Amino acid sequence: MGLGLVPVVAPIGTGYNGDEGIAYNCNADVAAGRIAGELQADRVLFLTDIAGVCDPQKDMELIPALDIAGVEGLIADGTITGGMIPKVSYAVDAVKLGVKGAFI
């Protein structure tokens, strides 16, 4: 974009066809990853209430960086679990769309 702006996305959906007054909290990670990819952003940041991806074999030490090729293995071996699986997956999708770096 070249404007020096950081878009903050809070995807709220609304009902339709008689349900217009209903608001839905949509998955922000899906929206952020896709928007960042379509904009060819330098970075995308995914927020979470935990430290990130931690290594259970190293006393839950934070893994400082992941690469796309290694993510599937970390999911398969149980390093990436629960709600972190979709978050990491959407980060990978964003990078595959052209984002230069994804941060969780």
PDB file of N, CA and C in Angstrom:
ATOM      1  N   MET A   1       0.827  -1.195   0.000  1.00  0.00           N
ATOM      2  CA  MET A   1       0.000   0.000   0.000  1.00  0.00           C
ATOM      3  C   MET A   1       0.865   1.249   0.000  1.00  0.00           C
ATOM      4  N   GLY A   2       2.001   1.190   0.688  1.00  0.00           N
ATOM      5  CA  GLY A   2       2.907   2.318   0.657  1.00  0.00           C
ATOM      6  C   GLY A   2       2.436   3.548   1.412  1.00  0.00           C
ATOM      7  N   LEU A   3       1.430   3.405   2.256  1.00  0.00           N
ATOM      8  CA  LEU A   3       0.892   4.551   2.978  1.00  0.00           C
ATOM      9  C   LEU A   3       1.401   4.626   4.412  1.00  0.00           C
ATOM     10  N   GLY A   4       2.157   3.636   4.846  1.00  0.00           N
ATOM     11  CA  GLY A   4       2.646   3.606   6.211  1.00  0.00           C
ATOM     12  C   GLY A   4       1.554   3.315   7.221  1.00  0.00           C
ATOM     13  N   LEU A   5       0.481   2.679   6.789  1.00  0.00           N
ATOM     14  CA  LEU A   5      -0.645   2.378   7.671  1.00  0.00           C
ATOM     15  C   LEU A   5      -0.631   0.909   8.082  1.00  0.00           C
ATOM     16  N   VAL A   6      -1.176   0.644   9.256  1.00  0.00           N
ATOM     17  CA  VAL A   6      -1.333  -0.726   9.728  1.00  0.00           C
ATOM     18  C   VAL A   6      -2.829  -0.987   9.884  1.00  0.00           C
ATOM     19  N   PRO A   7      -3.412  -1.738   8.951  1.00  0.00           N
ATOM     20  CA  PRO A   7      -4.841  -2.041   9.086  1.00  0.00           C
ATOM     21  C   PRO A   7      -5.079  -2.985  10.267  1.00  0.00           C
ATOM     22  N   VAL A   8      -6.069  -2.701  11.064  1.00  0.00           N
ATOM     23  CA  VAL A   8      -6.482  -3.570  12.161  1.00  0.00           C
ATOM     24  C   VAL A   8      -7.856  -4.095  11.794  1.00  0.00           C
ATOM     25  N   VAL A   9      -7.985  -5.420  11.743  1.00  0.00           N
ATOM     26  CA  VAL A   9      -9.213  -6.039  11.263  1.00  0.00           C
ATOM     27  C   VAL A   9      -9.964  -6.682  12.418  1.00  0.00           C
ATOM     28  N   ALA A  10     -11.208  -6.290  12.591  1.00  0.00           N
ATOM     29  CA  ALA A  10     -12.109  -6.923  13.549  1.00  0.00           C
ATOM     30  C   ALA A  10     -13.328  -7.364  12.750  1.00  0.00           C
ATOM     31  N   PRO A  11     -13.286  -8.579  12.209  1.00  0.00           N
ATOM     32  CA  PRO A  11     -14.344  -8.986  11.282  1.00  0.00           C
ATOM     33  C   PRO A  11     -15.653  -9.327  11.994  1.00  0.00           C
ATOM     34  N   ILE A  12     -16.589  -8.439  11.869  1.00  0.00           N
ATOM     35  CA  ILE A  12     -17.926  -8.659  12.410  1.00  0.00           C
ATOM     36  C   ILE A  12     -18.856  -8.872  11.230  1.00  0.00           C
ATOM     37  N   GLY A  13     -19.560  -9.988  11.241  1.00  0.00           N
ATOM     38  CA  GLY A  13     -20.522 -10.271  10.189  1.00  0.00           C
ATOM     39  C   GLY A  13     -21.916  -9.888  10.652  1.00  0.00           C
ATOM     40  N   THR A  14     -22.788  -9.658   9.723  1.00  0.00           N
ATOM     41  CA  THR A  14     -24.176  -9.359  10.065  1.00  0.00           C
ATOM     42  C   THR A  14     -25.100 -10.332   9.368  1.00  0.00           C
ATOM     43  N   GLY A  15     -26.251 -10.512   9.976  1.00  0.00           N
ATOM     44  CA  GLY A  15     -27.255 -11.381   9.390  1.00  0.00           C
ATOM     45  C   GLY A  15     -27.896 -10.737   8.179  1.00  0.00           C
ATOM     46  N   TYR A  16     -28.653 -11.510   7.456  1.00  0.00           N
ATOM     47  CA  TYR A  16     -29.386 -11.005   6.299  1.00  0.00           C
ATOM     48  C   TYR A  16     -30.682 -11.787   6.169  1.00  0.00           C
ATOM     49  N   ASN A  17     -31.498 -11.346   5.282  1.00  0.00           N
ATOM     50  CA  ASN A  17     -32.750 -12.034   4.981  1.00  0.00           C
ATOM     51  C   ASN A  17     -33.618 -12.209   6.235  1.00  0.00           C
ATOM     52  N   GLY A  18     -33.814 -11.109   6.936  1.00  0.00           N
ATOM     53  CA  GLY A  18     -34.634 -11.135   8.143  1.00  0.00           C
ATOM     54  C   GLY A  18     -33.842 -11.171   9.440  1.00  0.00           C
ATOM     55  N   ASP A  19     -32.555 -11.449   9.349  1.00  0.00           N
ATOM     56  CA  ASP A  19     -31.706 -11.494  10.545  1.00  0.00           C
ATOM     57  C   ASP A  19     -30.711 -10.330  10.569  1.00  0.00           C
ATOM     58  N   GLU A  20     -31.080  -9.206   9.972  1.00  0.00           N
ATOM     59  CA  GLU A  20     -30.167  -8.082   9.845  1.00  0.00           C
ATOM     60  C   GLU A  20     -29.673  -7.544  11.186  1.00  0.00           C
ATOM     61  N   GLY A  21     -30.437  -7.725  12.243  1.00  0.00           N
ATOM     62  CA  GLY A  21     -30.043  -7.198  13.551  1.00  0.00           C
ATOM     63  C   GLY A  21     -29.086  -8.092  14.317  1.00  0.00           C
ATOM     64  N   ILE A  22     -28.678  -9.199  13.732  1.00  0.00           N
ATOM     65  CA  ILE A  22     -27.783 -10.133  14.412  1.00  0.00           C
ATOM     66  C   ILE A  22     -26.355  -9.890  13.949  1.00  0.00           C
ATOM     67  N   ALA A  23     -25.427  -9.793  14.908  1.00  0.00           N
ATOM     68  CA  ALA A  23     -24.006  -9.638  14.598  1.00  0.00           C
ATOM     69  C   ALA A  23     -23.289 -10.945  14.914  1.00  0.00           C
ATOM     70  N   TYR A  24     -22.357 -11.302  14.071  1.00  0.00           N
ATOM     71  CA  TYR A  24     -21.589 -12.526  14.242  1.00  0.00           C
ATOM     72  C   TYR A  24     -20.114 -12.189  14.359  1.00  0.00           C
ATOM     73  N   ASN A  25     -19.447 -12.827  15.304  1.00  0.00           N
ATOM     74  CA  ASN A  25     -18.007 -12.673  15.455  1.00  0.00           C
ATOM     75  C   ASN A  25     -17.344 -13.693  14.544  1.00  0.00           C
ATOM     76  N   CYS A  26     -16.782 -13.234  13.449  1.00  0.00           N
ATOM     77  CA  CYS A  26     -16.145 -14.123  12.479  1.00  0.00           C
ATOM     78  C   CYS A  26     -14.682 -14.334  12.864  1.00  0.00           C
ATOM     79  N   ASN A  27     -14.069 -15.366  12.334  1.00  0.00           N
ATOM     80  CA  ASN A  27     -12.687 -15.691  12.671  1.00  0.00           C
ATOM     81  C   ASN A  27     -11.736 -14.630  12.122  1.00  0.00           C
ATOM     82  N   ALA A  28     -11.115 -13.892  13.020  1.00  0.00           N
ATOM     83  CA  ALA A  28     -10.222 -12.799  12.634  1.00  0.00           C
ATOM     84  C   ALA A  28      -8.959 -13.310  11.955  1.00  0.00           C
ATOM     85  N   ASP A  29      -8.507 -14.513  12.309  1.00  0.00           N
ATOM     86  CA  ASP A  29      -7.289 -15.047  11.709  1.00  0.00           C
ATOM     87  C   ASP A  29      -7.484 -15.323  10.221  1.00  0.00           C
ATOM     88  N   VAL A  30      -8.639 -15.858   9.863  1.00  0.00           N
ATOM     89  CA  VAL A  30      -8.940 -16.106   8.452  1.00  0.00           C
ATOM     90  C   VAL A  30      -8.907 -14.783   7.689  1.00  0.00           C
ATOM     91  N   ALA A  31      -9.609 -13.796   8.224  1.00  0.00           N
ATOM     92  CA  ALA A  31      -9.693 -12.496   7.550  1.00  0.00           C
ATOM     93  C   ALA A  31      -8.327 -11.821   7.462  1.00  0.00           C
ATOM     94  N   ALA A  32      -7.589 -11.801   8.561  1.00  0.00           N
ATOM     95  CA  ALA A  32      -6.291 -11.122   8.568  1.00  0.00           C
ATOM     96  C   ALA A  32      -5.320 -11.757   7.586  1.00  0.00           C
ATOM     97  N   GLY A  33      -5.270 -13.089   7.579  1.00  0.00           N
ATOM     98  CA  GLY A  33      -4.356 -13.772   6.667  1.00  0.00           C
ATOM     99  C   GLY A  33      -4.699 -13.521   5.219  1.00  0.00           C
ATOM    100  N   ARG A  34      -5.971 -13.602   4.906  1.00  0.00           N
ATOM    101  CA  ARG A  34      -6.385 -13.414   3.509  1.00  0.00           C
ATOM    102  C   ARG A  34      -6.200 -11.971   3.046  1.00  0.00           C
ATOM    103  N   ILE A  35      -6.584 -11.026   3.909  1.00  0.00           N
ATOM    104  CA  ILE A  35      -6.429  -9.612   3.547  1.00  0.00           C
ATOM    105  C   ILE A  35      -4.955  -9.275   3.360  1.00  0.00           C
ATOM    106  N   ALA A  36      -4.114  -9.739   4.270  1.00  0.00           N
ATOM    107  CA  ALA A  36      -2.672  -9.481   4.155  1.00  0.00           C
ATOM    108  C   ALA A  36      -2.122 -10.075   2.865  1.00  0.00           C
ATOM    109  N   GLY A  37      -2.575 -11.292   2.540  1.00  0.00           N
ATOM    110  CA  GLY A  37      -2.118 -11.928   1.306  1.00  0.00           C
ATOM    111  C   GLY A  37      -2.546 -11.174   0.067  1.00  0.00           C
ATOM    112  N   GLU A  38      -3.809 -10.764   0.036  1.00  0.00           N
ATOM    113  CA  GLU A  38      -4.305 -10.029  -1.131  1.00  0.00           C
ATOM    114  C   GLU A  38      -3.616  -8.677  -1.281  1.00  0.00           C
ATOM    115  N   LEU A  39      -3.224  -8.064  -0.167  1.00  0.00           N
ATOM    116  CA  LEU A  39      -2.535  -6.776  -0.210  1.00  0.00           C
ATOM    117  C   LEU A  39      -1.025  -6.930  -0.422  1.00  0.00           C
ATOM    118  N   GLN A  40      -0.552  -8.198  -0.435  1.00  0.00           N
ATOM    119  CA  GLN A  40       0.886  -8.455  -0.525  1.00  0.00           C
ATOM    120  C   GLN A  40       1.628  -7.689   0.571  1.00  0.00           C
ATOM    121  N   ALA A  41       1.111  -7.799   1.778  1.00  0.00           N
ATOM    122  CA  ALA A  41       1.662  -7.073   2.919  1.00  0.00           C
ATOM    123  C   ALA A  41       3.065  -7.560   3.263  1.00  0.00           C
ATOM    124  N   ASP A  42       3.834  -6.687   3.888  1.00  0.00           N
ATOM    125  CA  ASP A  42       5.151  -7.092   4.381  1.00  0.00           C
ATOM    126  C   ASP A  42       5.007  -8.086   5.526  1.00  0.00           C
ATOM    127  N   ARG A  43       4.041  -7.833   6.412  1.00  0.00           N
ATOM    128  CA  ARG A  43       3.853  -8.671   7.590  1.00  0.00           C
ATOM    129  C   ARG A  43       2.386  -8.784   7.941  1.00  0.00           C
ATOM    130  N   VAL A  44       2.063  -9.887   8.628  1.00  0.00           N
ATOM    131  CA  VAL A  44       0.750 -10.034   9.238  1.00  0.00           C
ATOM    132  C   VAL A  44       0.989 -10.500  10.670  1.00  0.00           C
ATOM    133  N   LEU A  45       0.206  -9.964  11.575  1.00  0.00           N
ATOM    134  CA  LEU A  45       0.342 -10.274  12.997  1.00  0.00           C
ATOM    135  C   LEU A  45      -0.937 -10.923  13.487  1.00  0.00           C
ATOM    136  N   PHE A  46      -0.809 -12.107  14.076  1.00  0.00           N
ATOM    137  CA  PHE A  46      -1.937 -12.825  14.652  1.00  0.00           C
ATOM    138  C   PHE A  46      -1.826 -12.736  16.174  1.00  0.00           C
ATOM    139  N   LEU A  47      -2.878 -12.246  16.813  1.00  0.00           N
ATOM    140  CA  LEU A  47      -2.854 -12.083  18.267  1.00  0.00           C
ATOM    141  C   LEU A  47      -3.376 -13.330  18.961  1.00  0.00           C
ATOM    142  N   THR A  48      -2.819 -13.618  20.120  1.00  0.00           N
ATOM    143  CA  THR A  48      -3.225 -14.758  20.923  1.00  0.00           C
ATOM    144  C   THR A  48      -2.917 -14.467  22.391  1.00  0.00           C
ATOM    145  N   ASP A  49      -3.536 -15.232  23.271  1.00  0.00           N
ATOM    146  CA  ASP A  49      -3.293 -15.037  24.697  1.00  0.00           C
ATOM    147  C   ASP A  49      -2.236 -15.994  25.240  1.00  0.00           C
ATOM    148  N   ILE A  50      -1.550 -16.702  24.345  1.00  0.00           N
ATOM    149  CA  ILE A  50      -0.440 -17.551  24.776  1.00  0.00           C
ATOM    150  C   ILE A  50       0.833 -17.093  24.082  1.00  0.00           C
ATOM    151  N   ALA A  51       1.976 -17.609  24.536  1.00  0.00           N
ATOM    152  CA  ALA A  51       3.268 -17.128  24.041  1.00  0.00           C
ATOM    153  C   ALA A  51       3.487 -17.389  22.561  1.00  0.00           C
ATOM    154  N   GLY A  52       2.914 -18.466  22.055  1.00  0.00           N
ATOM    155  CA  GLY A  52       3.122 -18.851  20.668  1.00  0.00           C
ATOM    156  C   GLY A  52       3.276 -20.351  20.591  1.00  0.00           C
ATOM    157  N   VAL A  53       4.044 -20.838  19.637  1.00  0.00           N
ATOM    158  CA  VAL A  53       4.287 -22.271  19.506  1.00  0.00           C
ATOM    159  C   VAL A  53       5.465 -22.627  20.405  1.00  0.00           C
ATOM    160  N   CYS A  54       5.214 -23.522  21.342  1.00  0.00           N
ATOM    161  CA  CYS A  54       6.237 -23.909  22.310  1.00  0.00           C
ATOM    162  C   CYS A  54       6.638 -25.366  22.099  1.00  0.00           C
ATOM    163  N   ASP A  55       7.887 -25.675  22.403  1.00  0.00           N
ATOM    164  CA  ASP A  55       8.443 -27.013  22.196  1.00  0.00           C
ATOM    165  C   ASP A  55       8.288 -27.846  23.458  1.00  0.00           C
ATOM    166  N   PRO A  56       7.407 -28.861  23.441  1.00  0.00           N
ATOM    167  CA  PRO A  56       7.197 -29.681  24.629  1.00  0.00           C
ATOM    168  C   PRO A  56       8.423 -30.514  25.003  1.00  0.00           C
ATOM    169  N   GLN A  57       9.350 -30.707  24.070  1.00  0.00           N
ATOM    170  CA  GLN A  57      10.561 -31.469  24.352  1.00  0.00           C
ATOM    171  C   GLN A  57      11.654 -30.608  24.978  1.00  0.00           C
ATOM    172  N   LYS A  58      11.435 -29.298  25.031  1.00  0.00           N
ATOM    173  CA  LYS A  58      12.418 -28.379  25.601  1.00  0.00           C
ATOM    174  C   LYS A  58      11.773 -27.526  26.679  1.00  0.00           C
ATOM    175  N   ASP A  59      11.053 -28.169  27.595  1.00  0.00           N
ATOM    176  CA  ASP A  59      10.427 -27.497  28.735  1.00  0.00           C
ATOM    177  C   ASP A  59       9.530 -26.340  28.298  1.00  0.00           C
ATOM    178  N   MET A  60       8.777 -26.564  27.197  1.00  0.00           N
ATOM    179  CA  MET A  60       7.827 -25.592  26.646  1.00  0.00           C
ATOM    180  C   MET A  60       8.490 -24.269  26.252  1.00  0.00           C
ATOM    181  N   GLU A  61       9.725 -24.349  25.810  1.00  0.00           N
ATOM    182  CA  GLU A  61      10.445 -23.168  25.327  1.00  0.00           C
ATOM    183  C   GLU A  61       9.800 -22.678  24.027  1.00  0.00           C
ATOM    184  N   LEU A  62       9.657 -21.364  23.911  1.00  0.00           N
ATOM    185  CA  LEU A  62       9.076 -20.760  22.714  1.00  0.00           C
ATOM    186  C   LEU A  62       9.947 -21.056  21.502  1.00  0.00           C
ATOM    187  N   ILE A  63       9.328 -21.533  20.442  1.00  0.00           N
ATOM    188  CA  ILE A  63      10.040 -21.743  19.179  1.00  0.00           C
ATOM    189  C   ILE A  63      10.044 -20.397  18.457  1.00  0.00           C
ATOM    190  N   PRO A  64      11.209 -19.799  18.256  1.00  0.00           N
ATOM    191  CA  PRO A  64      11.253 -18.419  17.736  1.00  0.00           C
ATOM    192  C   PRO A  64      10.873 -18.262  16.272  1.00  0.00           C
ATOM    193  N   ALA A  65      10.987 -19.317  15.478  1.00  0.00           N
ATOM    194  CA  ALA A  65      10.666 -19.205  14.051  1.00  0.00           C
ATOM    195  C   ALA A  65      10.250 -20.574  13.516  1.00  0.00           C
ATOM    196  N   LEU A  66       9.327 -20.541  12.580  1.00  0.00           N
ATOM    197  CA  LEU A  66       8.878 -21.747  11.892  1.00  0.00           C
ATOM    198  C   LEU A  66       9.032 -21.517  10.402  1.00  0.00           C
ATOM    199  N   ASP A  67       9.165 -22.613   9.660  1.00  0.00           N
ATOM    200  CA  ASP A  67       9.109 -22.489   8.206  1.00  0.00           C
ATOM    201  C   ASP A  67       7.934 -23.314   7.704  1.00  0.00           C
ATOM    202  N   ILE A  68       7.473 -22.970   6.532  1.00  0.00           N
ATOM    203  CA  ILE A  68       6.289 -23.620   5.978  1.00  0.00           C
ATOM    204  C   ILE A  68       6.476 -25.130   5.913  1.00  0.00           C
ATOM    205  N   ALA A  69       7.645 -25.570   5.497  1.00  0.00           N
ATOM    206  CA  ALA A  69       7.892 -27.001   5.314  1.00  0.00           C
ATOM    207  C   ALA A  69       7.788 -27.782   6.626  1.00  0.00           C
ATOM    208  N   GLY A  70       8.089 -27.156   7.749  1.00  0.00           N
ATOM    209  CA  GLY A  70       8.095 -27.861   9.019  1.00  0.00           C
ATOM    210  C   GLY A  70       6.790 -27.875   9.777  1.00  0.00           C
ATOM    211  N   VAL A  71       5.830 -27.061   9.357  1.00  0.00           N
ATOM    212  CA  VAL A  71       4.578 -26.911  10.111  1.00  0.00           C
ATOM    213  C   VAL A  71       3.795 -28.218  10.199  1.00  0.00           C
ATOM    214  N   GLU A  72       3.637 -28.919   9.081  1.00  0.00           N
ATOM    215  CA  GLU A  72       2.865 -30.167   9.101  1.00  0.00           C
ATOM    216  C   GLU A  72       3.448 -31.169  10.087  1.00  0.00           C
ATOM    217  N   GLY A  73       4.761 -31.278  10.143  1.00  0.00           N
ATOM    218  CA  GLY A  73       5.411 -32.187  11.076  1.00  0.00           C
ATOM    219  C   GLY A  73       5.169 -31.793  12.522  1.00  0.00           C
ATOM    220  N   LEU A  74       5.167 -30.496  12.797  1.00  0.00           N
ATOM    221  CA  LEU A  74       4.926 -30.020  14.166  1.00  0.00           C
ATOM    222  C   LEU A  74       3.479 -30.257  14.589  1.00  0.00           C
ATOM    223  N   ILE A  75       2.565 -30.235  13.635  1.00  0.00           N
ATOM    224  CA  ILE A  75       1.180 -30.583  13.938  1.00  0.00           C
ATOM    225  C   ILE A  75       1.083 -32.093  14.182  1.00  0.00           C
ATOM    226  N   ALA A  76       1.710 -32.868  13.319  1.00  0.00           N
ATOM    227  CA  ALA A  76       1.652 -34.332  13.421  1.00  0.00           C
ATOM    228  C   ALA A  76       2.265 -34.844  14.728  1.00  0.00           C
ATOM    229  N   ASP A  77       3.349 -34.203  15.191  1.00  0.00           N
ATOM    230  CA  ASP A  77       3.995 -34.700  16.408  1.00  0.00           C
ATOM    231  C   ASP A  77       3.431 -34.096  17.693  1.00  0.00           C
ATOM    232  N   GLY A  78       2.408 -33.251  17.562  1.00  0.00           N
ATOM    233  CA  GLY A  78       1.756 -32.698  18.739  1.00  0.00           C
ATOM    234  C   GLY A  78       2.390 -31.450  19.312  1.00  0.00           C
ATOM    235  N   THR A  79       3.372 -30.887  18.621  1.00  0.00           N
ATOM    236  CA  THR A  79       3.971 -29.630  19.090  1.00  0.00           C
ATOM    237  C   THR A  79       2.983 -28.482  18.906  1.00  0.00           C
ATOM    238  N   ILE A  80       2.334 -28.434  17.752  1.00  0.00           N
ATOM    239  CA  ILE A  80       1.289 -27.439  17.494  1.00  0.00           C
ATOM    240  C   ILE A  80      -0.041 -28.143  17.733  1.00  0.00           C
ATOM    241  N   THR A  81      -0.825 -27.624  18.689  1.00  0.00           N
ATOM    242  CA  THR A  81      -2.075 -28.280  19.063  1.00  0.00           C
ATOM    243  C   THR A  81      -3.207 -27.264  19.211  1.00  0.00           C
ATOM    244  N   GLY A  82      -4.400 -27.795  19.372  1.00  0.00           N
ATOM    245  CA  GLY A  82      -5.571 -26.994  19.715  1.00  0.00           C
ATOM    246  C   GLY A  82      -5.794 -25.813  18.803  1.00  0.00           C
ATOM    247  N   GLY A  83      -6.092 -24.666  19.424  1.00  0.00           N
ATOM    248  CA  GLY A  83      -6.397 -23.453  18.684  1.00  0.00           C
ATOM    249  C   GLY A  83      -5.212 -22.867  17.946  1.00  0.00           C
ATOM    250  N   MET A  84      -4.001 -23.350  18.255  1.00  0.00           N
ATOM    251  CA  MET A  84      -2.826 -22.850  17.542  1.00  0.00           C
ATOM    252  C   MET A  84      -2.743 -23.449  16.138  1.00  0.00           C
ATOM    253  N   ILE A  85      -3.378 -24.616  15.912  1.00  0.00           N
ATOM    254  CA  ILE A  85      -3.337 -25.236  14.580  1.00  0.00           C
ATOM    255  C   ILE A  85      -3.949 -24.324  13.522  1.00  0.00           C
ATOM    256  N   PRO A  86      -5.177 -23.844  13.701  1.00  0.00           N
ATOM    257  CA  PRO A  86      -5.702 -22.958  12.652  1.00  0.00           C
ATOM    258  C   PRO A  86      -4.937 -21.644  12.560  1.00  0.00           C
ATOM    259  N   LYS A  87      -4.478 -21.113  13.680  1.00  0.00           N
ATOM    260  CA  LYS A  87      -3.745 -19.848  13.646  1.00  0.00           C
ATOM    261  C   LYS A  87      -2.465 -19.993  12.815  1.00  0.00           C
ATOM    262  N   VAL A  88      -1.706 -21.055  13.051  1.00  0.00           N
ATOM    263  CA  VAL A  88      -0.482 -21.298  12.289  1.00  0.00           C
ATOM    264  C   VAL A  88      -0.833 -21.595  10.826  1.00  0.00           C
ATOM    265  N   SER A  89      -1.897 -22.331  10.603  1.00  0.00           N
ATOM    266  CA  SER A  89      -2.305 -22.657   9.229  1.00  0.00           C
ATOM    267  C   SER A  89      -2.660 -21.397   8.443  1.00  0.00           C
ATOM    268  N   TYR A  90      -3.367 -20.457   9.076  1.00  0.00           N
ATOM    269  CA  TYR A  90      -3.707 -19.208   8.381  1.00  0.00           C
ATOM    270  C   TYR A  90      -2.467 -18.347   8.168  1.00  0.00           C
ATOM    271  N   ALA A  91      -1.507 -18.421   9.068  1.00  0.00           N
ATOM    272  CA  ALA A  91      -0.236 -17.715   8.869  1.00  0.00           C
ATOM    273  C   ALA A  91       0.498 -18.294   7.664  1.00  0.00           C
ATOM    274  N   VAL A  92       0.522 -19.620   7.566  1.00  0.00           N
ATOM    275  CA  VAL A  92       1.146 -20.280   6.412  1.00  0.00           C
ATOM    276  C   VAL A  92       0.433 -19.870   5.125  1.00  0.00           C
ATOM    277  N   ASP A  93      -0.896 -19.871   5.149  1.00  0.00           N
ATOM    278  CA  ASP A  93      -1.653 -19.460   3.958  1.00  0.00           C
ATOM    279  C   ASP A  93      -1.287 -18.046   3.531  1.00  0.00           C
ATOM    280  N   ALA A  94      -1.151 -17.143   4.500  1.00  0.00           N
ATOM    281  CA  ALA A  94      -0.804 -15.754   4.183  1.00  0.00           C
ATOM    282  C   ALA A  94       0.564 -15.674   3.509  1.00  0.00           C
ATOM    283  N   VAL A  95       1.527 -16.407   4.032  1.00  0.00           N
ATOM    284  CA  VAL A  95       2.868 -16.402   3.437  1.00  0.00           C
ATOM    285  C   VAL A  95       2.825 -16.994   2.032  1.00  0.00           C
ATOM    286  N   LYS A  96       2.039 -18.046   1.846  1.00  0.00           N
ATOM    287  CA  LYS A  96       1.916 -18.638   0.505  1.00  0.00           C
ATOM    288  C   LYS A  96       1.280 -17.660  -0.480  1.00  0.00           C
ATOM    289  N   LEU A  97       0.454 -16.729   0.024  1.00  0.00           N
ATOM    290  CA  LEU A  97      -0.166 -15.718  -0.835  1.00  0.00           C
ATOM    291  C   LEU A  97       0.772 -14.539  -1.119  1.00  0.00           C
ATOM    292  N   GLY A  98       1.946 -14.512  -0.468  1.00  0.00           N
ATOM    293  CA  GLY A  98       2.908 -13.467  -0.763  1.00  0.00           C
ATOM    294  C   GLY A  98       3.307 -12.577   0.386  1.00  0.00           C
ATOM    295  N   VAL A  99       2.721 -12.771   1.578  1.00  0.00           N
ATOM    296  CA  VAL A  99       3.140 -11.988   2.741  1.00  0.00           C
ATOM    297  C   VAL A  99       4.578 -12.372   3.077  1.00  0.00           C
ATOM    298  N   LYS A 100       5.412 -11.403   3.376  1.00  0.00           N
ATOM    299  CA  LYS A 100       6.828 -11.672   3.604  1.00  0.00           C
ATOM    300  C   LYS A 100       7.105 -12.302   4.965  1.00  0.00           C
ATOM    301  N   GLY A 101       6.233 -12.078   5.946  1.00  0.00           N
ATOM    302  CA  GLY A 101       6.425 -12.668   7.263  1.00  0.00           C
ATOM    303  C   GLY A 101       5.148 -12.652   8.060  1.00  0.00           C
ATOM    304  N   ALA A 102       4.901 -13.738   8.785  1.00  0.00           N
ATOM    305  CA  ALA A 102       3.731 -13.838   9.643  1.00  0.00           C
ATOM    306  C   ALA A 102       4.214 -14.019  11.081  1.00  0.00           C
ATOM    307  N   PHE A 103       3.613 -13.286  11.991  1.00  0.00           N
ATOM    308  CA  PHE A 103       4.025 -13.310  13.394  1.00  0.00           C
ATOM    309  C   PHE A 103       2.841 -13.683  14.276  1.00  0.00           C
ATOM    310  N   ILE A 104       3.080 -14.593  15.217  1.00  0.00           N
ATOM    311  CA  ILE A 104       2.031 -15.003  16.159  1.00  0.00           C
ATOM    312  C   ILE A 104       2.510 -14.617  17.552  1.00  0.00           C
TER     313      ILE A 104
END
